[in-house]
Amino acid sequence: MRKQTKRKVWSLIDPITHAVVGASITQRDKLDKLRMMEYSALEAMTKGQGTIHDWRTLVDVLNLSETMARHNIGKDEVMPV
């Protein structure tokens, strides 16, 4: 007789619901701070002065955008890129 695995699969969060709920309660000043962080990282990378932290910021933004686009939120803006 073969040994059976007892692996549990946990669905921790639904990323789309989490993003929608998080975006709906975000205060304006924190959203502006997030936008400025993204824009400054993009500008630093295009001018050749980007750091690993700037690259990580852009990767995080892209991953979130791609996840949302795969669930039909902003699909036309993100997926062609």
Protein backbone atom coordinates (compact mmCIF):
# COMPACT_ATOMS: atom_id res chain seq x y z
CA MET A 1 0.00 0.00 0.00
CA ARG A 2 1.29 3.45 -0.94
CA LYS A 3 1.74 6.21 1.51
CA GLN A 4 -0.82 9.02 1.11
CA THR A 5 0.11 12.67 1.45
CA LYS A 6 -1.84 14.80 3.86
CA ARG A 7 -1.08 18.13 2.24
CA LYS A 8 -3.56 20.88 2.94
CA VAL A 9 -4.25 23.56 0.37
CA TRP A 10 -4.98 26.91 1.95
CA SER A 11 -6.59 29.66 -0.04
CA LEU A 12 -5.34 32.59 1.98
CA ILE A 13 -6.83 35.54 0.11
CA ASP A 14 -8.57 36.32 -3.12
CA PRO A 15 -6.17 38.83 -4.76
CA ILE A 16 -8.86 40.67 -6.71
CA THR A 17 -11.17 41.17 -3.75
CA HIS A 18 -8.19 42.21 -1.66
CA ALA A 19 -7.12 44.78 -4.28
CA VAL A 20 -10.63 46.20 -4.74
CA VAL A 21 -11.24 46.51 -1.01
CA GLY A 22 -7.81 48.01 -0.46
CA ALA A 23 -8.21 50.51 -3.29
CA SER A 24 -11.65 51.62 -2.18
CA ILE A 25 -10.56 52.68 1.30
CA THR A 26 -7.23 54.24 0.41
CA GLN A 27 -6.89 57.83 1.49
CA ARG A 28 -5.92 60.32 -1.17
CA ASP A 29 -2.59 61.29 0.39
CA LYS A 30 -1.43 57.67 0.64
CA LEU A 31 -2.47 57.00 -2.95
CA ASP A 32 -0.52 60.05 -4.10
CA LYS A 33 2.52 58.83 -2.15
CA LEU A 34 2.27 55.45 -3.89
CA ARG A 35 2.01 57.10 -7.31
CA MET A 36 5.02 59.30 -6.62
CA MET A 37 7.03 56.28 -5.51
CA GLU A 38 6.16 54.51 -8.78
CA TYR A 39 6.90 57.57 -10.95
CA SER A 40 10.20 58.32 -9.22
CA ALA A 41 11.32 54.70 -9.62
CA LEU A 42 10.42 54.79 -13.30
CA GLU A 43 12.23 58.08 -13.82
CA ALA A 44 15.35 56.83 -12.03
CA MET A 45 15.42 53.71 -14.21
CA THR A 46 15.01 55.64 -17.45
CA LYS A 47 17.82 58.05 -16.52
CA GLY A 48 20.19 55.21 -15.64
CA GLN A 49 20.29 55.96 -11.92
CA GLY A 50 17.94 53.23 -10.74
CA THR A 51 18.70 51.03 -7.77
CA ILE A 52 17.53 47.55 -6.83
CA HIS A 53 14.83 49.17 -4.70
CA ASP A 54 13.53 51.09 -7.76
CA TRP A 55 13.52 47.91 -9.82
CA ARG A 56 11.62 46.04 -7.07
CA THR A 57 9.03 48.83 -6.94
CA LEU A 58 8.39 48.56 -10.66
CA VAL A 59 8.20 44.76 -10.51
CA ASP A 60 5.63 44.94 -7.70
CA VAL A 61 3.49 47.41 -9.66
CA LEU A 62 3.67 45.27 -12.78
CA ASN A 63 2.77 42.09 -10.90
CA LEU A 64 -0.26 43.72 -9.33
CA SER A 65 -1.36 45.17 -12.67
CA GLU A 66 -0.96 41.82 -14.42
CA THR A 67 -2.93 39.98 -11.73
CA MET A 68 -5.75 42.48 -11.96
CA ALA A 69 -5.74 42.34 -15.77
CA ARG A 70 -6.01 38.55 -15.73
CA HIS A 71 -9.22 39.02 -13.73
CA ASN A 72 -10.61 41.58 -16.24
CA ILE A 73 -9.77 44.75 -14.32
CA GLY A 74 -7.94 47.16 -16.60
CA LYS A 75 -7.30 44.40 -19.12
CA ASP A 76 -7.01 46.68 -22.16
CA GLU A 77 -4.37 48.89 -20.54
CA VAL A 78 -2.02 46.24 -19.14
CA MET A 79 -2.16 43.02 -21.13
CA PRO A 80 -0.89 44.35 -24.49
CA VAL A 81 2.30 45.48 -22.74
